[in-house]
Amino acid sequence: MLNIRLTRVGKKKQPTYRVIVVEKARDPWGKALEILGHYNPRTKEKALTIDADRVKYWIEKGAQPSNTMHNLLIREGIISDKKKKSVRISKKRTAKKEEKDKEKAEAEAPKEAPAEEKPADTPVETSKEEKPTEEPKEEAPKEEPKDEPKPTSAEASADKPEEKPAEEKKEEPKAEEPKEEDKKE
């Protein structure tokens, strides 16, 4: 299959391109079937000098322009079609973008939810005459289960390992104080 594509020529950091016809599987810097023109993206007009008749000839023969070349040919008016996407996003980058969008949507969702939600248990207000007289129900205090004994102070301190190192640290500076023997001398 033939392909119409750009091949880079020019100096470092000063790209210019050739428009070539080449077999799709071949190296674009290798031998081309034909050079159709030149493209310089560094000029204000992004100059494309191309032989339109030869481009149409190769397209009739079955050559497919690359996405970028397709868009350039549309811009020049050589072919008429819709522009194609010429930049691809990798799967890894797409996954990161979707994850970021989900986080953003989750962050915005709680802000909107309280304004929209109304509690279903709140009764609709009626006039004073129509209000039913209900006495508030008293809730029984919750009792702790009797099967489980309450932890003693020793067990409670065993559950909190964070406090022990703090106590040990406080004791260390006291140990550094001069001994009684040193004071007598």
N, C-alpha and C. Protein backbone atom coordinates (compact mmCIF):
# COMPACT_ATOMS: atom_id res chain seq x y z
N MET A 1 0.85 -1.17 0.00
CA MET A 1 0.00 0.00 0.00
C MET A 1 0.89 1.24 0.00
N LEU A 2 0.55 2.19 -0.82
CA LEU A 2 1.32 3.42 -0.93
C LEU A 2 0.81 4.44 0.06
N ASN A 3 1.73 5.29 0.49
CA ASN A 3 1.39 6.29 1.50
C ASN A 3 2.00 7.62 1.09
N ILE A 4 1.23 8.70 1.23
CA ILE A 4 1.75 10.05 1.02
C ILE A 4 1.99 10.61 2.41
N ARG A 5 3.24 10.92 2.70
CA ARG A 5 3.58 11.37 4.06
C ARG A 5 4.69 12.39 4.03
N LEU A 6 4.96 12.93 5.22
CA LEU A 6 6.05 13.88 5.39
C LEU A 6 7.28 13.15 5.89
N THR A 7 8.44 13.58 5.44
CA THR A 7 9.70 13.10 5.98
C THR A 7 10.52 14.32 6.37
N ARG A 8 11.11 14.26 7.54
CA ARG A 8 11.80 15.42 8.07
C ARG A 8 13.18 15.57 7.44
N VAL A 9 13.47 16.80 7.06
CA VAL A 9 14.80 17.21 6.60
C VAL A 9 15.08 18.54 7.28
N GLY A 10 16.29 19.00 7.21
CA GLY A 10 16.60 20.29 7.81
C GLY A 10 17.49 20.13 9.02
N LYS A 11 17.86 21.25 9.60
CA LYS A 11 18.80 21.26 10.71
C LYS A 11 18.12 20.90 12.02
N LYS A 12 18.98 20.75 13.03
CA LYS A 12 18.49 20.49 14.38
C LYS A 12 17.68 21.69 14.86
N LYS A 13 16.50 21.42 15.39
CA LYS A 13 15.56 22.43 15.89
C LYS A 13 15.09 23.40 14.81
N GLN A 14 15.28 23.05 13.54
CA GLN A 14 14.78 23.85 12.42
C GLN A 14 14.16 22.91 11.40
N PRO A 15 12.99 22.31 11.74
CA PRO A 15 12.45 21.29 10.84
C PRO A 15 11.87 21.87 9.56
N THR A 16 12.13 21.17 8.49
CA THR A 16 11.42 21.33 7.23
C THR A 16 11.12 19.91 6.77
N TYR A 17 10.10 19.77 5.95
CA TYR A 17 9.65 18.44 5.57
C TYR A 17 9.54 18.32 4.06
N ARG A 18 9.71 17.11 3.57
CA ARG A 18 9.43 16.77 2.18
C ARG A 18 8.13 15.99 2.15
N VAL A 19 7.33 16.21 1.13
CA VAL A 19 6.12 15.42 0.91
C VAL A 19 6.52 14.33 -0.08
N ILE A 20 6.39 13.08 0.35
CA ILE A 20 6.87 11.97 -0.47
C ILE A 20 5.79 10.91 -0.65
N VAL A 21 5.97 10.09 -1.67
CA VAL A 21 5.15 8.89 -1.88
C VAL A 21 6.08 7.73 -1.63
N VAL A 22 5.68 6.84 -0.71
CA VAL A 22 6.52 5.72 -0.33
C VAL A 22 5.64 4.54 0.05
N GLU A 23 6.18 3.35 -0.03
CA GLU A 23 5.47 2.17 0.45
C GLU A 23 5.26 2.33 1.95
N LYS A 24 4.09 1.98 2.45
CA LYS A 24 3.74 2.24 3.84
C LYS A 24 4.70 1.57 4.83
N ALA A 25 5.16 0.39 4.53
CA ALA A 25 6.02 -0.35 5.45
C ALA A 25 7.48 0.11 5.39
N ARG A 26 7.86 0.93 4.44
CA ARG A 26 9.25 1.34 4.27
C ARG A 26 9.59 2.52 5.17
N ASP A 27 10.86 2.68 5.39
CA ASP A 27 11.40 3.77 6.19
C ASP A 27 11.17 5.11 5.45
N PRO A 28 10.61 6.12 6.11
CA PRO A 28 10.37 7.40 5.43
C PRO A 28 11.66 8.13 5.05
N TRP A 29 12.79 7.76 5.63
CA TRP A 29 14.06 8.40 5.29
C TRP A 29 14.80 7.61 4.23
N GLY A 30 14.19 6.55 3.80
CA GLY A 30 14.79 5.73 2.75
C GLY A 30 14.45 6.29 1.37
N LYS A 31 14.56 5.42 0.38
CA LYS A 31 14.30 5.82 -1.00
C LYS A 31 12.79 5.96 -1.22
N ALA A 32 12.36 7.12 -1.71
CA ALA A 32 10.95 7.39 -1.97
C ALA A 32 10.66 7.16 -3.45
N LEU A 33 9.40 6.84 -3.76
CA LEU A 33 9.00 6.69 -5.15
C LEU A 33 9.03 8.04 -5.87
N GLU A 34 8.54 9.08 -5.16
CA GLU A 34 8.52 10.42 -5.75
C GLU A 34 8.43 11.47 -4.65
N ILE A 35 9.12 12.58 -4.87
CA ILE A 35 9.02 13.74 -3.96
C ILE A 35 7.98 14.66 -4.58
N LEU A 36 6.91 14.92 -3.82
CA LEU A 36 5.79 15.72 -4.35
C LEU A 36 5.89 17.20 -3.98
N GLY A 37 6.64 17.54 -2.96
CA GLY A 37 6.73 18.94 -2.57
C GLY A 37 7.48 19.11 -1.26
N HIS A 38 7.33 20.32 -0.68
CA HIS A 38 8.01 20.66 0.57
C HIS A 38 7.03 21.37 1.50
N TYR A 39 7.31 21.27 2.79
CA TYR A 39 6.48 21.92 3.81
C TYR A 39 7.39 22.52 4.87
N ASN A 40 7.18 23.81 5.16
CA ASN A 40 7.96 24.49 6.19
C ASN A 40 7.00 25.04 7.24
N PRO A 41 6.92 24.42 8.40
CA PRO A 41 5.99 24.88 9.43
C PRO A 41 6.49 26.10 10.20
N ARG A 42 7.73 26.52 9.97
CA ARG A 42 8.31 27.62 10.74
C ARG A 42 7.96 28.99 10.16
N THR A 43 7.44 29.06 8.96
CA THR A 43 7.06 30.35 8.39
C THR A 43 5.67 30.74 8.88
N LYS A 44 5.34 32.02 8.76
CA LYS A 44 4.04 32.50 9.24
C LYS A 44 2.87 31.81 8.51
N GLU A 45 3.01 31.63 7.22
CA GLU A 45 1.94 31.03 6.44
C GLU A 45 2.00 29.51 6.45
N LYS A 46 3.03 28.94 7.10
CA LYS A 46 3.27 27.50 7.09
C LYS A 46 3.23 27.00 5.65
N ALA A 47 4.20 27.43 4.90
CA ALA A 47 4.26 27.25 3.46
C ALA A 47 4.29 25.78 3.05
N LEU A 48 3.36 25.43 2.18
CA LEU A 48 3.31 24.10 1.59
C LEU A 48 3.39 24.29 0.08
N THR A 49 4.51 23.87 -0.50
CA THR A 49 4.64 23.90 -1.96
C THR A 49 4.53 22.46 -2.42
N ILE A 50 3.50 22.21 -3.23
CA ILE A 50 3.21 20.84 -3.61
C ILE A 50 2.68 20.80 -5.04
N ASP A 51 2.95 19.73 -5.71
CA ASP A 51 2.45 19.52 -7.06
C ASP A 51 1.08 18.82 -6.94
N ALA A 52 0.02 19.61 -7.06
CA ALA A 52 -1.34 19.12 -6.83
C ALA A 52 -1.74 18.03 -7.84
N ASP A 53 -1.30 18.16 -9.09
CA ASP A 53 -1.65 17.16 -10.10
C ASP A 53 -1.07 15.79 -9.74
N ARG A 54 0.19 15.77 -9.29
CA ARG A 54 0.83 14.51 -8.94
C ARG A 54 0.19 13.89 -7.69
N VAL A 55 -0.24 14.74 -6.74
CA VAL A 55 -0.91 14.22 -5.54
C VAL A 55 -2.21 13.54 -5.93
N LYS A 56 -2.99 14.19 -6.80
CA LYS A 56 -4.25 13.60 -7.26
C LYS A 56 -3.99 12.29 -8.03
N TYR A 57 -2.93 12.27 -8.83
CA TYR A 57 -2.58 11.06 -9.57
C TYR A 57 -2.31 9.89 -8.62
N TRP A 58 -1.49 10.16 -7.58
CA TRP A 58 -1.14 9.08 -6.64
C TRP A 58 -2.35 8.64 -5.81
N ILE A 59 -3.22 9.56 -5.49
CA ILE A 59 -4.45 9.19 -4.75
C ILE A 59 -5.33 8.30 -5.63
N GLU A 60 -5.41 8.61 -6.94
CA GLU A 60 -6.17 7.76 -7.87
C GLU A 60 -5.56 6.36 -7.95
N LYS A 61 -4.26 6.27 -7.85
CA LYS A 61 -3.57 4.98 -7.90
C LYS A 61 -3.73 4.18 -6.60
N GLY A 62 -4.28 4.81 -5.55
CA GLY A 62 -4.54 4.10 -4.30
C GLY A 62 -3.67 4.52 -3.13
N ALA A 63 -2.87 5.56 -3.29
CA ALA A 63 -2.04 6.04 -2.19
C ALA A 63 -2.92 6.73 -1.14
N GLN A 64 -2.65 6.43 0.11
CA GLN A 64 -3.40 7.03 1.22
C GLN A 64 -2.54 8.09 1.91
N PRO A 65 -3.03 9.33 2.04
CA PRO A 65 -2.23 10.32 2.76
C PRO A 65 -2.28 10.06 4.27
N SER A 66 -1.20 10.36 4.98
CA SER A 66 -1.20 10.25 6.44
C SER A 66 -2.18 11.29 6.99
N ASN A 67 -2.54 11.18 8.25
CA ASN A 67 -3.53 12.09 8.83
C ASN A 67 -3.07 13.55 8.74
N THR A 68 -1.81 13.81 9.05
CA THR A 68 -1.29 15.17 8.97
C THR A 68 -1.29 15.66 7.52
N MET A 69 -0.84 14.81 6.62
CA MET A 69 -0.80 15.19 5.21
C MET A 69 -2.21 15.39 4.67
N HIS A 70 -3.14 14.56 5.11
CA HIS A 70 -4.55 14.68 4.72
C HIS A 70 -5.08 16.07 5.11
N ASN A 71 -4.79 16.50 6.35
CA ASN A 71 -5.25 17.80 6.83
C ASN A 71 -4.59 18.95 6.04
N LEU A 72 -3.32 18.79 5.69
CA LEU A 72 -2.64 19.82 4.90
C LEU A 72 -3.23 19.91 3.50
N LEU A 73 -3.56 18.78 2.91
CA LEU A 73 -4.16 18.78 1.57
C LEU A 73 -5.54 19.42 1.59
N ILE A 74 -6.29 19.23 2.65
CA ILE A 74 -7.60 19.88 2.79
C ILE A 74 -7.41 21.39 2.92
N ARG A 75 -6.43 21.80 3.72
CA ARG A 75 -6.16 23.23 3.93
C ARG A 75 -5.78 23.91 2.61
N GLU A 76 -5.03 23.21 1.76
CA GLU A 76 -4.61 23.77 0.48
C GLU A 76 -5.72 23.69 -0.57
N GLY A 77 -6.76 22.93 -0.31
CA GLY A 77 -7.87 22.82 -1.25
C GLY A 77 -7.65 21.77 -2.33
N ILE A 78 -6.68 20.91 -2.16
CA ILE A 78 -6.39 19.88 -3.15
C ILE A 78 -7.42 18.75 -3.07
N ILE A 79 -7.82 18.38 -1.87
CA ILE A 79 -8.88 17.40 -1.69
C ILE A 79 -9.95 18.02 -0.80
N SER A 80 -11.15 17.49 -0.86
CA SER A 80 -12.24 18.00 -0.02
C SER A 80 -12.76 16.83 0.82
N ASP A 81 -12.64 16.98 2.12
CA ASP A 81 -13.05 15.94 3.06
C ASP A 81 -13.02 16.57 4.44
N LYS A 82 -13.38 15.80 5.44
CA LYS A 82 -13.28 16.28 6.82
C LYS A 82 -11.86 16.05 7.31
N LYS A 83 -11.42 16.91 8.21
CA LYS A 83 -10.10 16.75 8.80
C LYS A 83 -10.09 15.54 9.74
N LYS A 84 -8.92 14.92 9.86
CA LYS A 84 -8.75 13.77 10.72
C LYS A 84 -7.89 14.15 11.92
N LYS A 85 -8.04 13.41 13.00
CA LYS A 85 -7.17 13.62 14.15
C LYS A 85 -5.77 13.13 13.80
N SER A 86 -4.79 13.98 14.02
CA SER A 86 -3.43 13.59 13.68
C SER A 86 -2.58 13.30 14.91
N VAL A 87 -3.12 13.59 16.08
CA VAL A 87 -2.39 13.34 17.32
C VAL A 87 -3.08 12.21 18.06
N ARG A 88 -2.30 11.24 18.51
CA ARG A 88 -2.86 10.12 19.26
C ARG A 88 -2.45 10.25 20.72
N ILE A 89 -3.34 9.87 21.61
CA ILE A 89 -3.05 9.84 23.03
C ILE A 89 -2.83 8.39 23.43
N SER A 90 -1.75 8.12 24.14
CA SER A 90 -1.43 6.75 24.52
C SER A 90 -2.47 6.21 25.49
N LYS A 91 -2.53 4.90 25.62
CA LYS A 91 -3.48 4.26 26.53
C LYS A 91 -3.19 4.66 27.97
N LYS A 92 -1.92 4.75 28.30
CA LYS A 92 -1.52 5.11 29.67
C LYS A 92 -2.00 6.52 30.00
N ARG A 93 -1.79 7.45 29.08
CA ARG A 93 -2.21 8.85 29.29
C ARG A 93 -3.73 8.94 29.32
N THR A 94 -4.42 8.17 28.49
CA THR A 94 -5.88 8.16 28.48
C THR A 94 -6.42 7.67 29.81
N ALA A 95 -5.80 6.63 30.37
CA ALA A 95 -6.23 6.10 31.67
C ALA A 95 -6.04 7.14 32.76
N LYS A 96 -4.93 7.85 32.75
CA LYS A 96 -4.68 8.90 33.75
C LYS A 96 -5.70 10.01 33.62
N LYS A 97 -6.02 10.38 32.39
CA LYS A 97 -6.98 11.46 32.16
C LYS A 97 -8.37 11.06 32.66
N GLU A 98 -8.79 9.82 32.39
CA GLU A 98 -10.09 9.34 32.86
C GLU A 98 -10.14 9.31 34.38
N GLU A 99 -9.05 8.89 35.01
CA GLU A 99 -8.99 8.84 36.47
C GLU A 99 -9.10 10.25 37.06
N LYS A 100 -8.43 11.20 36.43
CA LYS A 100 -8.47 12.59 36.89
C LYS A 100 -9.88 13.16 36.72
N ASP A 101 -10.55 12.82 35.61
CA ASP A 101 -11.91 13.29 35.38
C ASP A 101 -12.88 12.73 36.42
N LYS A 102 -12.69 11.45 36.80
CA LYS A 102 -13.53 10.84 37.83
C LYS A 102 -13.36 11.54 39.17
N GLU A 103 -12.11 11.83 39.52
CA GLU A 103 -11.84 12.53 40.78
C GLU A 103 -12.47 13.91 40.78
N LYS A 104 -12.39 14.58 39.64
CA LYS A 104 -12.97 15.91 39.53
C LYS A 104 -14.50 15.84 39.65
N ALA A 105 -15.10 14.83 39.03
CA ALA A 105 -16.55 14.66 39.10
C ALA A 105 -16.99 14.34 40.52
N GLU A 106 -16.21 13.50 41.21
CA GLU A 106 -16.53 13.17 42.61
C GLU A 106 -16.41 14.38 43.51
N ALA A 107 -15.44 15.23 43.24
CA ALA A 107 -15.25 16.43 44.05
C ALA A 107 -16.41 17.42 43.86
N GLU A 108 -16.93 17.49 42.65
CA GLU A 108 -18.03 18.40 42.37
C GLU A 108 -19.38 17.83 42.81
N ALA A 109 -19.53 16.53 42.82
CA ALA A 109 -20.80 15.89 43.15
C ALA A 109 -21.29 16.22 44.57
N PRO A 110 -20.46 16.17 45.63
CA PRO A 110 -20.96 16.48 46.96
C PRO A 110 -21.45 17.92 47.10
N LYS A 111 -20.87 18.84 46.35
CA LYS A 111 -21.31 20.23 46.42
C LYS A 111 -22.73 20.38 45.90
N GLU A 112 -23.07 19.64 44.86
CA GLU A 112 -24.39 19.74 44.27
C GLU A 112 -25.43 18.93 45.03
N ALA A 113 -25.05 17.82 45.61
CA ALA A 113 -25.98 16.90 46.24
C ALA A 113 -26.75 17.51 47.40
N PRO A 114 -26.15 18.21 48.36
CA PRO A 114 -26.93 18.74 49.47
C PRO A 114 -27.98 19.75 49.03
N ALA A 115 -27.71 20.52 48.00
CA ALA A 115 -28.68 21.50 47.54
C ALA A 115 -29.88 20.81 46.90
N GLU A 116 -29.67 19.71 46.25
CA GLU A 116 -30.75 19.02 45.56
C GLU A 116 -31.55 18.10 46.48
N GLU A 117 -30.89 17.46 47.42
CA GLU A 117 -31.56 16.48 48.26
C GLU A 117 -32.38 17.15 49.36
N LYS A 118 -33.54 16.62 49.58
CA LYS A 118 -34.38 17.05 50.68
C LYS A 118 -34.73 15.81 51.47
N PRO A 119 -34.69 15.90 52.79
CA PRO A 119 -35.02 14.71 53.57
C PRO A 119 -36.46 14.28 53.33
N ALA A 120 -36.65 12.99 53.18
CA ALA A 120 -37.97 12.46 52.89
C ALA A 120 -38.83 12.37 54.16
N ASP A 121 -38.21 12.38 55.34
CA ASP A 121 -38.94 12.23 56.59
C ASP A 121 -39.61 13.53 57.05
N THR A 122 -39.22 14.67 56.52
CA THR A 122 -39.82 15.92 56.98
C THR A 122 -41.23 16.04 56.42
N PRO A 123 -42.21 16.23 57.30
CA PRO A 123 -43.60 16.36 56.83
C PRO A 123 -43.83 17.73 56.21
N VAL A 124 -44.76 17.79 55.33
CA VAL A 124 -45.13 19.04 54.71
C VAL A 124 -45.91 19.85 55.74
N GLU A 125 -45.55 21.12 55.86
CA GLU A 125 -46.21 21.94 56.88
C GLU A 125 -47.66 22.19 56.50
N THR A 126 -48.50 22.09 57.48
CA THR A 126 -49.93 22.36 57.28
C THR A 126 -50.34 23.45 58.26
N SER A 127 -51.53 23.89 58.14
CA SER A 127 -51.98 24.93 59.05
C SER A 127 -52.09 24.38 60.47
N LYS A 128 -52.15 25.26 61.47
CA LYS A 128 -52.16 24.86 62.87
C LYS A 128 -53.37 24.00 63.22
N GLU A 129 -54.48 24.26 62.59
CA GLU A 129 -55.69 23.51 62.90
C GLU A 129 -55.60 22.06 62.43
N GLU A 130 -54.91 21.83 61.33
CA GLU A 130 -54.85 20.51 60.75
C GLU A 130 -53.73 19.64 61.32
N LYS A 131 -52.81 20.23 62.09
CA LYS A 131 -51.69 19.46 62.60
C LYS A 131 -52.16 18.41 63.58
N PRO A 132 -51.75 17.17 63.39
CA PRO A 132 -52.11 16.15 64.36
C PRO A 132 -51.26 16.34 65.61
N THR A 133 -51.87 16.04 66.73
CA THR A 133 -51.15 16.20 68.00
C THR A 133 -50.46 14.89 68.32
N GLU A 134 -49.18 14.89 68.16
CA GLU A 134 -48.39 13.72 68.49
C GLU A 134 -47.40 14.07 69.57
N GLU A 135 -47.28 13.19 70.52
CA GLU A 135 -46.31 13.42 71.57
C GLU A 135 -44.99 12.84 71.12
N PRO A 136 -43.90 13.52 71.42
CA PRO A 136 -42.60 12.99 71.00
C PRO A 136 -42.30 11.69 71.73
N LYS A 137 -41.79 10.75 70.99
CA LYS A 137 -41.47 9.45 71.58
C LYS A 137 -40.10 9.53 72.24
N GLU A 138 -40.03 8.92 73.42
CA GLU A 138 -38.76 8.91 74.13
C GLU A 138 -37.99 7.66 73.73
N GLU A 139 -36.74 7.86 73.44
CA GLU A 139 -35.91 6.74 73.05
C GLU A 139 -35.28 6.13 74.27
N ALA A 140 -35.24 4.82 74.30
CA ALA A 140 -34.62 4.12 75.42
C ALA A 140 -33.12 4.28 75.32
N PRO A 141 -32.43 4.51 76.45
CA PRO A 141 -30.98 4.64 76.39
C PRO A 141 -30.35 3.33 75.96
N LYS A 142 -29.29 3.45 75.19
CA LYS A 142 -28.62 2.25 74.71
C LYS A 142 -27.78 1.65 75.82
N GLU A 143 -27.91 0.36 75.99
CA GLU A 143 -27.14 -0.34 77.02
C GLU A 143 -25.98 -1.07 76.37
N GLU A 144 -24.88 -1.13 77.11
CA GLU A 144 -23.72 -1.84 76.61
C GLU A 144 -23.95 -3.33 76.80
N PRO A 145 -23.44 -4.15 75.93
CA PRO A 145 -23.62 -5.59 76.09
C PRO A 145 -22.92 -6.07 77.37
N LYS A 146 -23.61 -6.95 78.09
CA LYS A 146 -23.08 -7.41 79.37
C LYS A 146 -22.06 -8.53 79.19
N ASP A 147 -22.02 -9.15 78.04
CA ASP A 147 -21.12 -10.26 77.81
C ASP A 147 -19.66 -9.81 77.80
N GLU A 148 -19.40 -8.62 77.30
CA GLU A 148 -18.03 -8.15 77.18
C GLU A 148 -17.65 -7.33 78.40
N PRO A 149 -16.61 -7.75 79.14
CA PRO A 149 -16.18 -6.95 80.29
C PRO A 149 -15.47 -5.68 79.83
N LYS A 150 -15.56 -4.64 80.64
CA LYS A 150 -14.90 -3.39 80.32
C LYS A 150 -13.40 -3.57 80.49
N PRO A 151 -12.60 -3.00 79.63
CA PRO A 151 -11.16 -3.16 79.76
C PRO A 151 -10.63 -2.41 80.97
N THR A 152 -9.68 -3.01 81.63
CA THR A 152 -9.05 -2.36 82.78
C THR A 152 -8.07 -1.33 82.28
N SER A 153 -7.52 -0.56 83.17
CA SER A 153 -6.59 0.49 82.76
C SER A 153 -5.34 -0.09 82.12
N ALA A 154 -4.90 -1.27 82.58
CA ALA A 154 -3.72 -1.91 81.99
C ALA A 154 -4.02 -2.37 80.57
N GLU A 155 -5.22 -2.92 80.34
CA GLU A 155 -5.58 -3.35 79.00
C GLU A 155 -5.78 -2.16 78.08
N ALA A 156 -6.33 -1.09 78.59
CA ALA A 156 -6.55 0.10 77.79
C ALA A 156 -5.22 0.69 77.34
N SER A 157 -4.24 0.67 78.24
CA SER A 157 -2.93 1.21 77.86
C SER A 157 -2.23 0.29 76.88
N ALA A 158 -2.52 -1.02 76.92
CA ALA A 158 -1.92 -1.95 75.97
C ALA A 158 -2.48 -1.72 74.57
N ASP A 159 -3.73 -1.26 74.48
CA ASP A 159 -4.34 -0.98 73.19
C ASP A 159 -3.76 0.27 72.55
N LYS A 160 -3.15 1.15 73.32
CA LYS A 160 -2.62 2.40 72.80
C LYS A 160 -1.10 2.37 72.83
N PRO A 161 -0.45 1.83 71.82
CA PRO A 161 1.00 1.77 71.82
C PRO A 161 1.66 3.13 71.59
N GLU A 162 0.90 4.11 71.09
CA GLU A 162 1.47 5.42 70.82
C GLU A 162 1.87 6.15 72.10
N GLU A 163 1.21 5.89 73.19
CA GLU A 163 1.50 6.60 74.43
C GLU A 163 2.77 6.08 75.09
N LYS A 164 3.08 4.83 74.95
CA LYS A 164 4.25 4.26 75.61
C LYS A 164 5.55 4.89 75.13
N PRO A 165 5.78 5.03 73.83
CA PRO A 165 7.03 5.65 73.41
C PRO A 165 7.15 7.08 73.92
N ALA A 166 6.04 7.81 74.01
CA ALA A 166 6.10 9.18 74.50
C ALA A 166 6.53 9.19 75.96
N GLU A 167 6.05 8.25 76.75
CA GLU A 167 6.44 8.18 78.16
C GLU A 167 7.91 7.82 78.27
N GLU A 168 8.38 6.92 77.43
CA GLU A 168 9.78 6.53 77.48
C GLU A 168 10.68 7.69 77.10
N LYS A 169 10.27 8.48 76.16
CA LYS A 169 11.06 9.63 75.75
C LYS A 169 11.17 10.64 76.89
N LYS A 170 10.13 10.81 77.65
CA LYS A 170 10.16 11.75 78.76
C LYS A 170 11.10 11.27 79.86
N GLU A 171 11.19 9.98 80.03
CA GLU A 171 12.04 9.43 81.08
C GLU A 171 13.51 9.50 80.71
N GLU A 172 13.86 9.45 79.47
CA GLU A 172 15.25 9.46 79.04
C GLU A 172 16.00 10.71 79.47
N PRO A 173 15.47 11.93 79.32
CA PRO A 173 16.22 13.10 79.75
C PRO A 173 16.49 13.08 81.26
N LYS A 174 15.61 12.52 82.05
CA LYS A 174 15.82 12.45 83.49
C LYS A 174 16.99 11.53 83.80
N ALA A 175 17.19 10.51 83.03
CA ALA A 175 18.28 9.57 83.26
C ALA A 175 19.62 10.23 82.96
N GLU A 176 19.66 11.26 82.17
CA GLU A 176 20.90 11.92 81.81
C GLU A 176 21.38 12.88 82.88
N GLU A 177 20.59 13.13 83.90
CA GLU A 177 21.00 14.04 84.97
C GLU A 177 22.24 13.46 85.68
N PRO A 178 23.09 14.30 86.23
CA PRO A 178 24.30 13.81 86.89
C PRO A 178 23.95 12.94 88.09
N LYS A 179 24.76 11.92 88.29
CA LYS A 179 24.53 10.99 89.39
C LYS A 179 24.99 11.64 90.69
N GLU A 180 24.54 11.06 91.81
CA GLU A 180 24.87 11.60 93.12
C GLU A 180 26.37 11.54 93.38
N GLU A 181 27.04 10.50 92.85
CA GLU A 181 28.49 10.38 93.06
C GLU A 181 29.21 11.53 92.40
N ASP A 182 28.75 11.97 91.23
CA ASP A 182 29.40 13.07 90.54
C ASP A 182 29.22 14.38 91.30
N LYS A 183 28.10 14.55 91.96
CA LYS A 183 27.83 15.77 92.72
C LYS A 183 28.73 15.86 93.93
N LYS A 184 29.09 14.74 94.60
CA LYS A 184 29.93 14.75 95.79
C LYS A 184 31.36 15.17 95.49
N GLU A 185 31.83 14.89 94.33
CA GLU A 185 33.21 15.21 93.97
C GLU A 185 33.41 16.63 93.74
